[in-house]
Amino acid sequence: MQAAGAGPEPVYRVHVFCCTNRRPDSHWRGCCASKGSKALCDYMCRLGMVLGARRIRINHAGCLNVCEHGPTMVIYPDGVWYRYETEADVEEILRRHVIGGKRVERLLLDIDPGTLRG
């Protein structure tokens, strides 16, 4: 086993996972897809390219298990969770957190791990 910090440099400096999971419309927890998450994730990908963001990966993800808060994303390696609704929210997260390294306090998703299902 290698010591912490040993080994190759990570391929990506930042990895963003945007939930685009679809549940039935009648599901009690809702889903991120029904709240426009796919289009917003696609927008973030395009904007990242326009801004020339390097070593940043933005992915569509399956269920992140916080459906009722959606649309949601998580950013690694920081482990920071966000709830977003608009292209302006996505742009702010991308510019300030993903590229700039500063959290967007107003969009932070405060999750109590004890309430997670599954």
PDB file of N, CA and C in Angstrom:
ATOM      1  N   MET A   1       0.851  -1.179   0.000  1.00  0.00           N
ATOM      2  CA  MET A   1       0.000   0.000   0.000  1.00  0.00           C
ATOM      3  C   MET A   1       0.892   1.235   0.000  1.00  0.00           C
ATOM      4  N   GLN A   2       0.562   2.210  -0.847  1.00  0.00           N
ATOM      5  CA  GLN A   2       1.347   3.434  -0.944  1.00  0.00           C
ATOM      6  C   GLN A   2       0.936   4.425   0.134  1.00  0.00           C
ATOM      7  N   ALA A   3       1.902   5.228   0.546  1.00  0.00           N
ATOM      8  CA  ALA A   3       1.619   6.290   1.518  1.00  0.00           C
ATOM      9  C   ALA A   3       0.764   7.361   0.871  1.00  0.00           C
ATOM     10  N   ALA A   4      -0.008   8.069   1.687  1.00  0.00           N
ATOM     11  CA  ALA A   4      -0.837   9.171   1.183  1.00  0.00           C
ATOM     12  C   ALA A   4       0.046  10.166   0.449  1.00  0.00           C
ATOM     13  N   GLY A   5      -0.413  10.627  -0.691  1.00  0.00           N
ATOM     14  CA  GLY A   5       0.335  11.594  -1.481  1.00  0.00           C
ATOM     15  C   GLY A   5       1.294  10.948  -2.453  1.00  0.00           C
ATOM     16  N   ALA A   6       1.522   9.643  -2.322  1.00  0.00           N
ATOM     17  CA  ALA A   6       2.412   8.948  -3.241  1.00  0.00           C
ATOM     18  C   ALA A   6       1.639   8.547  -4.492  1.00  0.00           C
ATOM     19  N   GLY A   7       2.353   8.300  -5.550  1.00  0.00           N
ATOM     20  CA  GLY A   7       1.724   7.828  -6.768  1.00  0.00           C
ATOM     21  C   GLY A   7       1.520   8.940  -7.763  1.00  0.00           C
ATOM     22  N   PRO A   8       0.889   8.604  -8.867  1.00  0.00           N
ATOM     23  CA  PRO A   8       0.728   9.589  -9.941  1.00  0.00           C
ATOM     24  C   PRO A   8      -0.244  10.708  -9.559  1.00  0.00           C
ATOM     25  N   GLU A   9      -0.100  11.821 -10.223  1.00  0.00           N
ATOM     26  CA  GLU A   9      -1.017  12.940 -10.048  1.00  0.00           C
ATOM     27  C   GLU A   9      -2.386  12.542 -10.598  1.00  0.00           C
ATOM     28  N   PRO A  10      -3.464  12.966  -9.945  1.00  0.00           N
ATOM     29  CA  PRO A  10      -4.802  12.631 -10.465  1.00  0.00           C
ATOM     30  C   PRO A  10      -4.994  13.163 -11.886  1.00  0.00           C
ATOM     31  N   VAL A  11      -5.746  12.432 -12.681  1.00  0.00           N
ATOM     32  CA  VAL A  11      -6.032  12.853 -14.053  1.00  0.00           C
ATOM     33  C   VAL A  11      -6.805  14.166 -14.048  1.00  0.00           C
ATOM     34  N   TYR A  12      -7.805  14.262 -13.183  1.00  0.00           N
ATOM     35  CA  TYR A  12      -8.616  15.471 -13.085  1.00  0.00           C
ATOM     36  C   TYR A  12      -8.361  16.154 -11.748  1.00  0.00           C
ATOM     37  N   ARG A  13      -8.270  17.456 -11.781  1.00  0.00           N
ATOM     38  CA  ARG A  13      -8.121  18.257 -10.571  1.00  0.00           C
ATOM     39  C   ARG A  13      -9.457  18.336  -9.833  1.00  0.00           C
ATOM     40  N   VAL A  14     -10.559  18.427 -10.606  1.00  0.00           N
ATOM     41  CA  VAL A  14     -11.913  18.510 -10.059  1.00  0.00           C
ATOM     42  C   VAL A  14     -12.810  17.586 -10.882  1.00  0.00           C
ATOM     43  N   HIS A  15     -13.682  16.853 -10.194  1.00  0.00           N
ATOM     44  CA  HIS A  15     -14.637  15.966 -10.863  1.00  0.00           C
ATOM     45  C   HIS A  15     -16.030  16.287 -10.324  1.00  0.00           C
ATOM     46  N   VAL A  16     -16.926  16.677 -11.234  1.00  0.00           N
ATOM     47  CA  VAL A  16     -18.287  17.080 -10.878  1.00  0.00           C
ATOM     48  C   VAL A  16     -19.253  15.988 -11.334  1.00  0.00           C
ATOM     49  N   PHE A  17     -20.113  15.562 -10.441  1.00  0.00           N
ATOM     50  CA  PHE A  17     -21.146  14.582 -10.754  1.00  0.00           C
ATOM     51  C   PHE A  17     -22.505  15.251 -10.598  1.00  0.00           C
ATOM     52  N   CYS A  18     -23.234  15.382 -11.699  1.00  0.00           N
ATOM     53  CA  CYS A  18     -24.577  15.986 -11.702  1.00  0.00           C
ATOM     54  C   CYS A  18     -25.602  14.867 -11.827  1.00  0.00           C
ATOM     55  N   CYS A  19     -26.470  14.744 -10.848  1.00  0.00           N
ATOM     56  CA  CYS A  19     -27.507  13.721 -10.916  1.00  0.00           C
ATOM     57  C   CYS A  19     -28.467  14.034 -12.059  1.00  0.00           C
ATOM     58  N   THR A  20     -28.661  13.060 -12.924  1.00  0.00           N
ATOM     59  CA  THR A  20     -29.645  13.185 -14.001  1.00  0.00           C
ATOM     60  C   THR A  20     -30.605  11.985 -13.960  1.00  0.00           C
ATOM     61  N   ASN A  21     -30.727  11.400 -12.787  1.00  0.00           N
ATOM     62  CA  ASN A  21     -31.569  10.220 -12.615  1.00  0.00           C
ATOM     63  C   ASN A  21     -33.045  10.545 -12.846  1.00  0.00           C
ATOM     64  N   ARG A  22     -33.748   9.601 -13.465  1.00  0.00           N
ATOM     65  CA  ARG A  22     -35.183   9.748 -13.719  1.00  0.00           C
ATOM     66  C   ARG A  22     -35.932   8.696 -12.912  1.00  0.00           C
ATOM     67  N   ARG A  23     -36.897   9.153 -12.146  1.00  0.00           N
ATOM     68  CA  ARG A  23     -37.816   8.277 -11.420  1.00  0.00           C
ATOM     69  C   ARG A  23     -39.212   8.496 -12.012  1.00  0.00           C
ATOM     70  N   PRO A  24     -40.140   7.602 -11.734  1.00  0.00           N
ATOM     71  CA  PRO A  24     -41.517   7.838 -12.185  1.00  0.00           C
ATOM     72  C   PRO A  24     -42.047   9.160 -11.616  1.00  0.00           C
ATOM     73  N   ASP A  25     -42.851   9.853 -12.371  1.00  0.00           N
ATOM     74  CA  ASP A  25     -43.396  11.139 -11.930  1.00  0.00           C
ATOM     75  C   ASP A  25     -44.139  11.033 -10.598  1.00  0.00           C
ATOM     76  N   SER A  26     -44.675   9.875 -10.303  1.00  0.00           N
ATOM     77  CA  SER A  26     -45.442   9.689  -9.068  1.00  0.00           C
ATOM     78  C   SER A  26     -44.562   9.367  -7.850  1.00  0.00           C
ATOM     79  N   HIS A  27     -43.252   9.222  -8.034  1.00  0.00           N
ATOM     80  CA  HIS A  27     -42.385   8.843  -6.914  1.00  0.00           C
ATOM     81  C   HIS A  27     -42.386   9.937  -5.854  1.00  0.00           C
ATOM     82  N   TRP A  28     -42.516   9.560  -4.612  1.00  0.00           N
ATOM     83  CA  TRP A  28     -42.663  10.521  -3.508  1.00  0.00           C
ATOM     84  C   TRP A  28     -41.429  11.384  -3.295  1.00  0.00           C
ATOM     85  N   ARG A  29     -40.255  10.928  -3.712  1.00  0.00           N
ATOM     86  CA  ARG A  29     -39.039  11.720  -3.516  1.00  0.00           C
ATOM     87  C   ARG A  29     -38.729  12.620  -4.707  1.00  0.00           C
ATOM     88  N   GLY A  30     -39.455  12.435  -5.795  1.00  0.00           N
ATOM     89  CA  GLY A  30     -39.158  13.215  -6.988  1.00  0.00           C
ATOM     90  C   GLY A  30     -37.879  12.730  -7.635  1.00  0.00           C
ATOM     91  N   CYS A  31     -37.380  13.514  -8.583  1.00  0.00           N
ATOM     92  CA  CYS A  31     -36.107  13.162  -9.218  1.00  0.00           C
ATOM     93  C   CYS A  31     -35.485  14.409  -9.834  1.00  0.00           C
ATOM     94  N   CYS A  32     -34.183  14.349  -9.991  1.00  0.00           N
ATOM     95  CA  CYS A  32     -33.455  15.492 -10.543  1.00  0.00           C
ATOM     96  C   CYS A  32     -33.800  15.710 -12.020  1.00  0.00           C
ATOM     97  N   ALA A  33     -34.002  14.632 -12.758  1.00  0.00           N
ATOM     98  CA  ALA A  33     -34.279  14.761 -14.195  1.00  0.00           C
ATOM     99  C   ALA A  33     -35.544  15.576 -14.449  1.00  0.00           C
ATOM    100  N   SER A  34     -36.564  15.380 -13.640  1.00  0.00           N
ATOM    101  CA  SER A  34     -37.814  16.106 -13.859  1.00  0.00           C
ATOM    102  C   SER A  34     -37.673  17.597 -13.538  1.00  0.00           C
ATOM    103  N   LYS A  35     -36.562  17.964 -12.912  1.00  0.00           N
ATOM    104  CA  LYS A  35     -36.308  19.364 -12.553  1.00  0.00           C
ATOM    105  C   LYS A  35     -35.257  19.999 -13.463  1.00  0.00           C
ATOM    106  N   GLY A  36     -34.994  19.350 -14.613  1.00  0.00           N
ATOM    107  CA  GLY A  36     -34.127  19.949 -15.626  1.00  0.00           C
ATOM    108  C   GLY A  36     -32.650  19.684 -15.481  1.00  0.00           C
ATOM    109  N   SER A  37     -32.264  18.672 -14.703  1.00  0.00           N
ATOM    110  CA  SER A  37     -30.840  18.453 -14.427  1.00  0.00           C
ATOM    111  C   SER A  37     -30.016  18.095 -15.654  1.00  0.00           C
ATOM    112  N   LYS A  38     -30.578  17.366 -16.605  1.00  0.00           N
ATOM    113  CA  LYS A  38     -29.792  16.981 -17.785  1.00  0.00           C
ATOM    114  C   LYS A  38     -29.381  18.210 -18.588  1.00  0.00           C
ATOM    115  N   ALA A  39     -30.335  19.090 -18.861  1.00  0.00           N
ATOM    116  CA  ALA A  39     -30.026  20.304 -19.625  1.00  0.00           C
ATOM    117  C   ALA A  39     -29.028  21.189 -18.875  1.00  0.00           C
ATOM    118  N   LEU A  40     -29.167  21.276 -17.556  1.00  0.00           N
ATOM    119  CA  LEU A  40     -28.248  22.097 -16.764  1.00  0.00           C
ATOM    120  C   LEU A  40     -26.848  21.493 -16.731  1.00  0.00           C
ATOM    121  N   CYS A  41     -26.744  20.177 -16.656  1.00  0.00           N
ATOM    122  CA  CYS A  41     -25.440  19.516 -16.707  1.00  0.00           C
ATOM    123  C   CYS A  41     -24.795  19.721 -18.079  1.00  0.00           C
ATOM    124  N   ASP A  42     -25.583  19.572 -19.130  1.00  0.00           N
ATOM    125  CA  ASP A  42     -25.070  19.809 -20.487  1.00  0.00           C
ATOM    126  C   ASP A  42     -24.567  21.246 -20.624  1.00  0.00           C
ATOM    127  N   TYR A  43     -25.301  22.198 -20.059  1.00  0.00           N
ATOM    128  CA  TYR A  43     -24.881  23.596 -20.088  1.00  0.00           C
ATOM    129  C   TYR A  43     -23.541  23.769 -19.367  1.00  0.00           C
ATOM    130  N   MET A  44     -23.402  23.129 -18.204  1.00  0.00           N
ATOM    131  CA  MET A  44     -22.150  23.234 -17.451  1.00  0.00           C
ATOM    132  C   MET A  44     -20.979  22.672 -18.264  1.00  0.00           C
ATOM    133  N   CYS A  45     -21.193  21.550 -18.954  1.00  0.00           N
ATOM    134  CA  CYS A  45     -20.148  20.959 -19.795  1.00  0.00           C
ATOM    135  C   CYS A  45     -19.734  21.924 -20.898  1.00  0.00           C
ATOM    136  N   ARG A  46     -20.714  22.487 -21.598  1.00  0.00           N
ATOM    137  CA  ARG A  46     -20.419  23.429 -22.688  1.00  0.00           C
ATOM    138  C   ARG A  46     -19.707  24.673 -22.164  1.00  0.00           C
ATOM    139  N   LEU A  47     -20.181  25.218 -21.061  1.00  0.00           N
ATOM    140  CA  LEU A  47     -19.583  26.415 -20.492  1.00  0.00           C
ATOM    141  C   LEU A  47     -18.146  26.145 -20.048  1.00  0.00           C
ATOM    142  N   GLY A  48     -17.905  24.979 -19.479  1.00  0.00           N
ATOM    143  CA  GLY A  48     -16.552  24.614 -19.082  1.00  0.00           C
ATOM    144  C   GLY A  48     -15.606  24.626 -20.275  1.00  0.00           C
ATOM    145  N   MET A  49     -16.078  24.139 -21.405  1.00  0.00           N
ATOM    146  CA  MET A  49     -15.248  24.157 -22.620  1.00  0.00           C
ATOM    147  C   MET A  49     -15.001  25.582 -23.096  1.00  0.00           C
ATOM    148  N   VAL A  50     -16.049  26.401 -23.097  1.00  0.00           N
ATOM    149  CA  VAL A  50     -15.918  27.803 -23.523  1.00  0.00           C
ATOM    150  C   VAL A  50     -14.918  28.539 -22.632  1.00  0.00           C
ATOM    151  N   LEU A  51     -14.955  28.271 -21.343  1.00  0.00           N
ATOM    152  CA  LEU A  51     -14.063  28.942 -20.396  1.00  0.00           C
ATOM    153  C   LEU A  51     -12.652  28.358 -20.403  1.00  0.00           C
ATOM    154  N   GLY A  52     -12.461  27.270 -21.151  1.00  0.00           N
ATOM    155  CA  GLY A  52     -11.144  26.652 -21.225  1.00  0.00           C
ATOM    156  C   GLY A  52     -10.721  25.952 -19.950  1.00  0.00           C
ATOM    157  N   ALA A  53     -11.692  25.467 -19.194  1.00  0.00           N
ATOM    158  CA  ALA A  53     -11.391  24.778 -17.938  1.00  0.00           C
ATOM    159  C   ALA A  53     -10.551  23.532 -18.226  1.00  0.00           C
ATOM    160  N   ARG A  54      -9.441  23.410 -17.560  1.00  0.00           N
ATOM    161  CA  ARG A  54      -8.518  22.296 -17.768  1.00  0.00           C
ATOM    162  C   ARG A  54      -8.528  21.361 -16.566  1.00  0.00           C
ATOM    163  N   ARG A  55      -8.389  20.079 -16.877  1.00  0.00           N
ATOM    164  CA  ARG A  55      -8.322  19.027 -15.856  1.00  0.00           C
ATOM    165  C   ARG A  55      -9.555  19.035 -14.960  1.00  0.00           C
ATOM    166  N   ILE A  56     -10.681  19.336 -15.574  1.00  0.00           N
ATOM    167  CA  ILE A  56     -11.977  19.326 -14.890  1.00  0.00           C
ATOM    168  C   ILE A  56     -12.889  18.399 -15.674  1.00  0.00           C
ATOM    169  N   ARG A  57     -13.557  17.500 -14.976  1.00  0.00           N
ATOM    170  CA  ARG A  57     -14.477  16.569 -15.616  1.00  0.00           C
ATOM    171  C   ARG A  57     -15.860  16.790 -15.039  1.00  0.00           C
ATOM    172  N   ILE A  58     -16.836  16.959 -15.926  1.00  0.00           N
ATOM    173  CA  ILE A  58     -18.238  17.134 -15.532  1.00  0.00           C
ATOM    174  C   ILE A  58     -19.010  15.963 -16.108  1.00  0.00           C
ATOM    175  N   ASN A  59     -19.655  15.179 -15.247  1.00  0.00           N
ATOM    176  CA  ASN A  59     -20.348  13.968 -15.658  1.00  0.00           C
ATOM    177  C   ASN A  59     -21.817  13.978 -15.280  1.00  0.00           C
ATOM    178  N   HIS A  60     -22.622  13.365 -16.152  1.00  0.00           N
ATOM    179  CA  HIS A  60     -23.979  12.982 -15.764  1.00  0.00           C
ATOM    180  C   HIS A  60     -23.808  11.812 -14.804  1.00  0.00           C
ATOM    181  N   ALA A  61     -24.608  11.772 -13.777  1.00  0.00           N
ATOM    182  CA  ALA A  61     -24.512  10.682 -12.800  1.00  0.00           C
ATOM    183  C   ALA A  61     -25.884  10.072 -12.578  1.00  0.00           C
ATOM    184  N   GLY A  62     -25.866   8.839 -12.147  1.00  0.00           N
ATOM    185  CA  GLY A  62     -27.097   8.206 -11.710  1.00  0.00           C
ATOM    186  C   GLY A  62     -27.523   8.819 -10.388  1.00  0.00           C
ATOM    187  N   CYS A  63     -28.426   8.172  -9.718  1.00  0.00           N
ATOM    188  CA  CYS A  63     -29.000   8.718  -8.488  1.00  0.00           C
ATOM    189  C   CYS A  63     -27.934   8.985  -7.425  1.00  0.00           C
ATOM    190  N   LEU A  64     -27.949  10.195  -6.898  1.00  0.00           N
ATOM    191  CA  LEU A  64     -27.059  10.573  -5.797  1.00  0.00           C
ATOM    192  C   LEU A  64     -27.754  10.428  -4.445  1.00  0.00           C
ATOM    193  N   ASN A  65     -29.009   9.981  -4.476  1.00  0.00           N
ATOM    194  CA  ASN A  65     -29.779   9.608  -3.283  1.00  0.00           C
ATOM    195  C   ASN A  65     -30.183  10.791  -2.405  1.00  0.00           C
ATOM    196  N   VAL A  66     -30.316  11.953  -3.006  1.00  0.00           N
ATOM    197  CA  VAL A  66     -30.878  13.108  -2.301  1.00  0.00           C
ATOM    198  C   VAL A  66     -31.935  13.752  -3.215  1.00  0.00           C
ATOM    199  N   CYS A  67     -32.747  12.899  -3.784  1.00  0.00           N
ATOM    200  CA  CYS A  67     -33.707  13.251  -4.827  1.00  0.00           C
ATOM    201  C   CYS A  67     -34.605  14.431  -4.477  1.00  0.00           C
ATOM    202  N   GLU A  68     -35.069  14.461  -3.242  1.00  0.00           N
ATOM    203  CA  GLU A  68     -36.016  15.502  -2.841  1.00  0.00           C
ATOM    204  C   GLU A  68     -35.399  16.895  -2.834  1.00  0.00           C
ATOM    205  N   HIS A  69     -34.076  16.988  -2.910  1.00  0.00           N
ATOM    206  CA  HIS A  69     -33.391  18.279  -2.926  1.00  0.00           C
ATOM    207  C   HIS A  69     -33.029  18.739  -4.334  1.00  0.00           C
ATOM    208  N   GLY A  70     -33.262  17.899  -5.322  1.00  0.00           N
ATOM    209  CA  GLY A  70     -32.738  18.086  -6.677  1.00  0.00           C
ATOM    210  C   GLY A  70     -33.185  19.334  -7.402  1.00  0.00           C
ATOM    211  N   PRO A  71     -32.460  19.629  -8.469  1.00  0.00           N
ATOM    212  CA  PRO A  71     -31.295  18.899  -8.946  1.00  0.00           C
ATOM    213  C   PRO A  71     -30.076  19.136  -8.059  1.00  0.00           C
ATOM    214  N   THR A  72     -29.258  18.074  -7.948  1.00  0.00           N
ATOM    215  CA  THR A  72     -28.088  18.138  -7.084  1.00  0.00           C
ATOM    216  C   THR A  72     -26.832  17.735  -7.839  1.00  0.00           C
ATOM    217  N   MET A  73     -25.702  18.185  -7.299  1.00  0.00           N
ATOM    218  CA  MET A  73     -24.400  17.759  -7.799  1.00  0.00           C
ATOM    219  C   MET A  73     -23.460  17.638  -6.613  1.00  0.00           C
ATOM    220  N   VAL A  74     -22.400  16.862  -6.815  1.00  0.00           N
ATOM    221  CA  VAL A  74     -21.337  16.754  -5.820  1.00  0.00           C
ATOM    222  C   VAL A  74     -20.016  16.964  -6.542  1.00  0.00           C
ATOM    223  N   ILE A  75     -19.120  17.692  -5.889  1.00  0.00           N
ATOM    224  CA  ILE A  75     -17.838  18.043  -6.481  1.00  0.00           C
ATOM    225  C   ILE A  75     -16.729  17.401  -5.654  1.00  0.00           C
ATOM    226  N   TYR A  76     -15.903  16.604  -6.345  1.00  0.00           N
ATOM    227  CA  TYR A  76     -14.756  15.952  -5.710  1.00  0.00           C
ATOM    228  C   TYR A  76     -13.475  16.517  -6.279  1.00  0.00           C
ATOM    229  N   PRO A  77     -12.398  16.591  -5.489  1.00  0.00           N
ATOM    230  CA  PRO A  77     -12.188  15.843  -4.257  1.00  0.00           C
ATOM    231  C   PRO A  77     -12.754  16.510  -3.015  1.00  0.00           C
ATOM    232  N   ASP A  78     -13.386  17.675  -3.147  1.00  0.00           N
ATOM    233  CA  ASP A  78     -13.862  18.417  -1.979  1.00  0.00           C
ATOM    234  C   ASP A  78     -15.017  17.743  -1.243  1.00  0.00           C
ATOM    235  N   GLY A  79     -15.837  16.967  -1.962  1.00  0.00           N
ATOM    236  CA  GLY A  79     -17.006  16.358  -1.341  1.00  0.00           C
ATOM    237  C   GLY A  79     -18.080  17.379  -1.003  1.00  0.00           C
ATOM    238  N   VAL A  80     -18.170  18.436  -1.820  1.00  0.00           N
ATOM    239  CA  VAL A  80     -19.136  19.512  -1.585  1.00  0.00           C
ATOM    240  C   VAL A  80     -20.375  19.258  -2.446  1.00  0.00           C
ATOM    241  N   TRP A  81     -21.537  19.379  -1.827  1.00  0.00           N
ATOM    242  CA  TRP A  81     -22.816  19.136  -2.489  1.00  0.00           C
ATOM    243  C   TRP A  81     -23.528  20.460  -2.724  1.00  0.00           C
ATOM    244  N   TYR A  82     -24.170  20.559  -3.905  1.00  0.00           N
ATOM    245  CA  TYR A  82     -24.940  21.748  -4.254  1.00  0.00           C
ATOM    246  C   TYR A  82     -26.320  21.363  -4.759  1.00  0.00           C
ATOM    247  N   ARG A  83     -27.248  22.280  -4.554  1.00  0.00           N
ATOM    248  CA  ARG A  83     -28.565  22.257  -5.188  1.00  0.00           C
ATOM    249  C   ARG A  83     -28.585  23.467  -6.101  1.00  0.00           C
ATOM    250  N   TYR A  84     -29.053  23.286  -7.321  1.00  0.00           N
ATOM    251  CA  TYR A  84     -29.063  24.371  -8.301  1.00  0.00           C
ATOM    252  C   TYR A  84     -30.345  24.294  -9.116  1.00  0.00           C
ATOM    253  N   GLU A  85     -30.753  25.421  -9.680  1.00  0.00           N
ATOM    254  CA  GLU A  85     -32.010  25.453 -10.438  1.00  0.00           C
ATOM    255  C   GLU A  85     -31.874  26.099 -11.806  1.00  0.00           C
ATOM    256  N   THR A  86     -30.905  26.989 -11.978  1.00  0.00           N
ATOM    257  CA  THR A  86     -30.836  27.793 -13.197  1.00  0.00           C
ATOM    258  C   THR A  86     -29.437  27.732 -13.816  1.00  0.00           C
ATOM    259  N   GLU A  87     -29.348  28.205 -15.058  1.00  0.00           N
ATOM    260  CA  GLU A  87     -28.047  28.316 -15.707  1.00  0.00           C
ATOM    261  C   GLU A  87     -27.147  29.283 -14.941  1.00  0.00           C
ATOM    262  N   ALA A  88     -27.730  30.322 -14.356  1.00  0.00           N
ATOM    263  CA  ALA A  88     -26.945  31.268 -13.558  1.00  0.00           C
ATOM    264  C   ALA A  88     -26.333  30.563 -12.338  1.00  0.00           C
ATOM    265  N   ASP A  89     -27.092  29.666 -11.692  1.00  0.00           N
ATOM    266  CA  ASP A  89     -26.557  28.896 -10.566  1.00  0.00           C
ATOM    267  C   ASP A  89     -25.383  28.038 -11.027  1.00  0.00           C
ATOM    268  N   VAL A  90     -25.563  27.353 -12.150  1.00  0.00           N
ATOM    269  CA  VAL A  90     -24.522  26.477 -12.696  1.00  0.00           C
ATOM    270  C   VAL A  90     -23.268  27.287 -13.017  1.00  0.00           C
ATOM    271  N   GLU A  91     -23.457  28.435 -13.651  1.00  0.00           N
ATOM    272  CA  GLU A  91     -22.311  29.273 -14.001  1.00  0.00           C
ATOM    273  C   GLU A  91     -21.568  29.740 -12.749  1.00  0.00           C
ATOM    274  N   GLU A  92     -22.310  30.117 -11.717  1.00  0.00           N
ATOM    275  CA  GLU A  92     -21.679  30.564 -10.484  1.00  0.00           C
ATOM    276  C   GLU A  92     -20.876  29.434  -9.831  1.00  0.00           C
ATOM    277  N   ILE A  93     -21.430  28.236  -9.802  1.00  0.00           N
ATOM    278  CA  ILE A  93     -20.720  27.084  -9.238  1.00  0.00           C
ATOM    279  C   ILE A  93     -19.457  26.795 -10.049  1.00  0.00           C
ATOM    280  N   LEU A  94     -19.593  26.812 -11.372  1.00  0.00           N
ATOM    281  CA  LEU A  94     -18.445  26.522 -12.227  1.00  0.00           C
ATOM    282  C   LEU A  94     -17.337  27.561 -12.060  1.00  0.00           C
ATOM    283  N   ARG A  95     -17.696  28.827 -12.136  1.00  0.00           N
ATOM    284  CA  ARG A  95     -16.683  29.884 -12.054  1.00  0.00           C
ATOM    285  C   ARG A  95     -16.065  29.998 -10.656  1.00  0.00           C
ATOM    286  N   ARG A  96     -16.916  30.011  -9.639  1.00  0.00           N
ATOM    287  CA  ARG A  96     -16.418  30.268  -8.275  1.00  0.00           C
ATOM    288  C   ARG A  96     -15.806  29.033  -7.617  1.00  0.00           C
ATOM    289  N   HIS A  97     -16.488  27.886  -7.717  1.00  0.00           N
ATOM    290  CA  HIS A  97     -15.988  26.705  -7.006  1.00  0.00           C
ATOM    291  C   HIS A  97     -15.076  25.855  -7.880  1.00  0.00           C
ATOM    292  N   VAL A  98     -15.599  25.383  -9.001  1.00  0.00           N
ATOM    293  CA  VAL A  98     -14.843  24.437  -9.812  1.00  0.00           C
ATOM    294  C   VAL A  98     -13.549  25.056 -10.332  1.00  0.00           C
ATOM    295  N   ILE A  99     -13.622  26.263 -10.861  1.00  0.00           N
ATOM    296  CA  ILE A  99     -12.434  26.928 -11.397  1.00  0.00           C
ATOM    297  C   ILE A  99     -11.716  27.733 -10.315  1.00  0.00           C
ATOM    298  N   GLY A 100     -12.481  28.470  -9.515  1.00  0.00           N
ATOM    299  CA  GLY A 100     -11.878  29.386  -8.548  1.00  0.00           C
ATOM    300  C   GLY A 100     -11.570  28.819  -7.179  1.00  0.00           C
ATOM    301  N   GLY A 101     -12.149  27.656  -6.847  1.00  0.00           N
ATOM    302  CA  GLY A 101     -11.855  27.032  -5.567  1.00  0.00           C
ATOM    303  C   GLY A 101     -12.588  27.596  -4.365  1.00  0.00           C
ATOM    304  N   LYS A 102     -13.605  28.436  -4.587  1.00  0.00           N
ATOM    305  CA  LYS A 102     -14.362  29.031  -3.470  1.00  0.00           C
ATOM    306  C   LYS A 102     -15.800  28.523  -3.505  1.00  0.00           C
ATOM    307  N   ARG A 103     -16.280  28.100  -2.379  1.00  0.00           N
ATOM    308  CA  ARG A 103     -17.641  27.566  -2.297  1.00  0.00           C
ATOM    309  C   ARG A 103     -18.686  28.647  -2.544  1.00  0.00           C
ATOM    310  N   VAL A 104     -19.811  28.215  -3.088  1.00  0.00           N
ATOM    311  CA  VAL A 104     -20.956  29.097  -3.311  1.00  0.00           C
ATOM    312  C   VAL A 104     -21.928  28.819  -2.172  1.00  0.00           C
ATOM    313  N   GLU A 105     -21.783  29.577  -1.115  1.00  0.00           N
ATOM    314  CA  GLU A 105     -22.516  29.314   0.131  1.00  0.00           C
ATOM    315  C   GLU A 105     -24.021  29.233  -0.072  1.00  0.00           C
ATOM    316  N   ARG A 106     -24.586  30.118  -0.883  1.00  0.00           N
ATOM    317  CA  ARG A 106     -26.045  30.168  -1.021  1.00  0.00           C
ATOM    318  C   ARG A 106     -26.630  28.912  -1.676  1.00  0.00           C
ATOM    319  N   LEU A 107     -25.806  28.132  -2.356  1.00  0.00           N
ATOM    320  CA  LEU A 107     -26.292  26.941  -3.053  1.00  0.00           C
ATOM    321  C   LEU A 107     -25.856  25.632  -2.390  1.00  0.00           C
ATOM    322  N   LEU A 108     -25.121  25.729  -1.289  1.00  0.00           N
ATOM    323  CA  LEU A 108     -24.670  24.517  -0.602  1.00  0.00           C
ATOM    324  C   LEU A 108     -25.861  23.687  -0.143  1.00  0.00           C
ATOM    325  N   LEU A 109     -25.727  22.385  -0.287  1.00  0.00           N
ATOM    326  CA  LEU A 109     -26.740  21.446   0.182  1.00  0.00           C
ATOM    327  C   LEU A 109     -26.223  20.836   1.464  1.00  0.00           C
ATOM    328  N   ASP A 110     -26.890  21.117   2.553  1.00  0.00           N
ATOM    329  CA  ASP A 110     -26.494  20.612   3.861  1.00  0.00           C
ATOM    330  C   ASP A 110     -27.209  19.289   4.088  1.00  0.00           C
ATOM    331  N   ILE A 111     -26.460  18.207   4.001  1.00  0.00           N
ATOM    332  CA  ILE A 111     -27.049  16.873   4.102  1.00  0.00           C
ATOM    333  C   ILE A 111     -26.634  16.242   5.426  1.00  0.00           C
ATOM    334  N   ASP A 112     -27.593  15.771   6.171  1.00  0.00           N
ATOM    335  CA  ASP A 112     -27.327  15.008   7.388  1.00  0.00           C
ATOM    336  C   ASP A 112     -27.150  13.547   6.967  1.00  0.00           C
ATOM    337  N   PRO A 113     -25.910  13.019   7.031  1.00  0.00           N
ATOM    338  CA  PRO A 113     -25.682  11.640   6.591  1.00  0.00           C
ATOM    339  C   PRO A 113     -26.573  10.613   7.283  1.00  0.00           C
ATOM    340  N   GLY A 114     -27.031  10.915   8.460  1.00  0.00           N
ATOM    341  CA  GLY A 114     -27.909   9.992   9.185  1.00  0.00           C
ATOM    342  C   GLY A 114     -29.292   9.847   8.561  1.00  0.00           C
ATOM    343  N   THR A 115     -29.656  10.768   7.673  1.00  0.00           N
ATOM    344  CA  THR A 115     -30.971  10.702   7.043  1.00  0.00           C
ATOM    345  C   THR A 115     -30.948  10.041   5.678  1.00  0.00           C
ATOM    346  N   LEU A 116     -29.764   9.685   5.182  1.00  0.00           N
ATOM    347  CA  LEU A 116     -29.665   9.098   3.853  1.00  0.00           C
ATOM    348  C   LEU A 116     -30.246   7.696   3.846  1.00  0.00           C
ATOM    349  N   ARG A 117     -30.889   7.373   2.748  1.00  0.00           N
ATOM    350  CA  ARG A 117     -31.454   6.026   2.562  1.00  0.00           C
ATOM    351  C   ARG A 117     -30.500   5.244   1.670  1.00  0.00           C
ATOM    352  N   GLY A 118     -30.443   3.948   1.909  1.00  0.00           N
ATOM    353  CA  GLY A 118     -29.678   3.079   1.016  1.00  0.00           C
ATOM    354  C   GLY A 118     -28.237   2.968   1.264  1.00  0.00           C
TER     355      GLY A 118
END
